[in-house]
Amino acid sequence: MIPAVVPVILLASGALFAIGLASLIARCNVIKMVMGLEFLGKGVSLLFILGGYLAGDVGVSQAVVLILIAIEAVVAGVALALVILLRRAFKTFDIAAISWLSRGGDL
């Protein structure tokens, strides 16, 4: 018997994943892309916890998610450092403008 909370958790993790994927695909702002990457990670983390709960081994899934959170923190730090470097170099957060300027265009 599946508990009643499982569809809610699946819907929440699917929504987090979809929001993250949409913000990555939209490619309008570098900071929004980093936030989308974080949303993707949180959706996957929620699915790992749910899978461990359904399999009856919550401890292992919590350990995996703890490692995943540590990795996400490092990735977010590196990504935000790159965003700061992009902002200093190109004076914008817009992906289209950064792409245009990196090819030699003018503002």
Protein backbone atom coordinates (compact mmCIF):
# COMPACT_ATOMS: atom_id res chain seq x y z
CA MET A 1 0.00 0.00 0.00
CA ILE A 2 1.42 3.36 -1.03
CA PRO A 3 0.92 6.15 1.50
CA ALA A 4 -1.18 9.15 0.48
CA VAL A 5 1.79 11.52 0.74
CA VAL A 6 3.72 9.84 -2.10
CA PRO A 7 1.82 11.53 -4.98
CA VAL A 8 2.25 14.90 -3.28
CA ILE A 9 6.01 14.39 -2.98
CA LEU A 10 6.20 13.18 -6.58
CA LEU A 11 4.30 16.27 -7.72
CA ALA A 12 6.53 18.58 -5.68
CA SER A 13 9.75 17.01 -6.94
CA GLY A 14 8.44 17.03 -10.51
CA ALA A 15 7.51 20.70 -10.17
CA LEU A 16 10.96 21.57 -8.81
CA PHE A 17 12.61 19.66 -11.64
CA ALA A 18 10.37 21.28 -14.28
CA ILE A 19 10.98 24.79 -12.95
CA GLY A 20 14.73 24.18 -12.92
CA LEU A 21 14.72 22.74 -16.42
CA ALA A 22 12.61 25.62 -17.74
CA SER A 23 14.96 28.20 -16.26
CA LEU A 24 17.95 26.43 -17.80
CA ILE A 25 16.28 26.22 -21.20
CA ALA A 26 15.09 29.86 -21.15
CA ARG A 27 18.74 31.08 -21.02
CA CYS A 28 17.94 34.71 -20.34
CA ASN A 29 19.97 35.43 -17.21
CA VAL A 30 23.05 33.72 -15.79
CA ILE A 31 21.85 33.93 -12.18
CA LYS A 32 18.50 32.41 -13.14
CA MET A 33 20.38 29.56 -14.76
CA VAL A 34 22.34 28.90 -11.56
CA MET A 35 19.08 28.98 -9.58
CA GLY A 36 17.55 26.55 -12.07
CA LEU A 37 20.47 24.21 -11.57
CA GLU A 38 19.81 24.31 -7.83
CA PHE A 39 16.11 23.61 -8.35
CA LEU A 40 17.02 20.58 -10.47
CA GLY A 41 19.22 19.27 -7.68
CA LYS A 42 16.55 19.76 -5.02
CA GLY A 43 13.97 17.92 -7.12
CA VAL A 44 16.32 14.97 -7.59
CA SER A 45 17.19 14.99 -3.87
CA LEU A 46 13.51 14.79 -3.00
CA LEU A 47 13.11 11.83 -5.35
CA PHE A 48 16.08 10.06 -3.73
CA ILE A 49 14.52 10.47 -0.29
CA LEU A 50 11.16 9.21 -1.57
CA GLY A 51 12.82 6.20 -3.21
CA GLY A 52 14.59 5.33 0.02
CA TYR A 53 11.34 5.66 1.94
CA LEU A 54 9.50 3.38 -0.47
CA ALA A 55 12.35 0.85 -0.49
CA GLY A 56 12.44 0.84 3.31
CA ASP A 57 16.02 2.09 3.59
CA VAL A 58 15.79 5.76 4.44
CA GLY A 59 19.26 5.91 5.99
CA VAL A 60 21.11 5.14 2.77
CA SER A 61 19.03 7.58 0.76
CA GLN A 62 19.62 10.30 3.36
CA ALA A 63 23.36 9.66 3.18
CA VAL A 64 23.28 9.93 -0.62
CA VAL A 65 21.27 13.15 -0.43
CA LEU A 66 23.65 14.61 2.15
CA ILE A 67 26.57 13.99 -0.21
CA LEU A 68 24.49 15.40 -3.08
CA ILE A 69 23.78 18.57 -1.09
CA ALA A 70 27.50 19.01 -0.38
CA ILE A 71 28.30 18.60 -4.08
CA GLU A 72 25.52 21.06 -5.01
CA ALA A 73 26.96 23.63 -2.61
CA VAL A 74 30.37 23.38 -4.26
CA VAL A 75 28.85 23.59 -7.74
CA ALA A 76 26.77 26.62 -6.74
CA GLY A 77 29.84 28.34 -5.30
CA VAL A 78 31.90 27.75 -8.43
CA ALA A 79 29.00 28.77 -10.69
CA LEU A 80 28.42 31.99 -8.78
CA ALA A 81 32.14 32.76 -8.89
CA LEU A 82 32.01 32.34 -12.67
CA VAL A 83 28.94 34.59 -12.78
CA ILE A 84 30.86 37.28 -10.91
CA LEU A 85 33.74 36.96 -13.38
CA LEU A 86 31.32 37.20 -16.32
CA ARG A 87 29.72 40.30 -14.79
CA ARG A 88 33.12 41.95 -14.32
CA ALA A 89 34.24 41.12 -17.85
CA PHE A 90 31.06 41.87 -19.81
CA LYS A 91 29.12 44.20 -17.45
CA THR A 92 25.90 42.20 -17.88
CA PHE A 93 24.10 39.06 -16.74
CA ASP A 94 22.30 38.55 -20.05
CA ILE A 95 23.37 35.41 -21.90
CA ALA A 96 22.64 36.84 -25.36
CA ALA A 97 24.72 39.94 -24.67
CA ILE A 98 27.60 37.89 -23.26
CA SER A 99 27.53 35.64 -26.32
CA TRP A 100 27.43 38.68 -28.63
CA LEU A 101 30.28 40.42 -26.80
CA SER A 102 32.45 37.29 -26.66
CA ARG A 103 32.25 37.07 -30.47
CA GLY A 104 33.57 40.61 -30.80
CA GLY A 105 30.35 42.62 -30.97
CA ASP A 106 29.81 46.08 -29.50
CA LEU A 107 27.12 47.23 -27.11
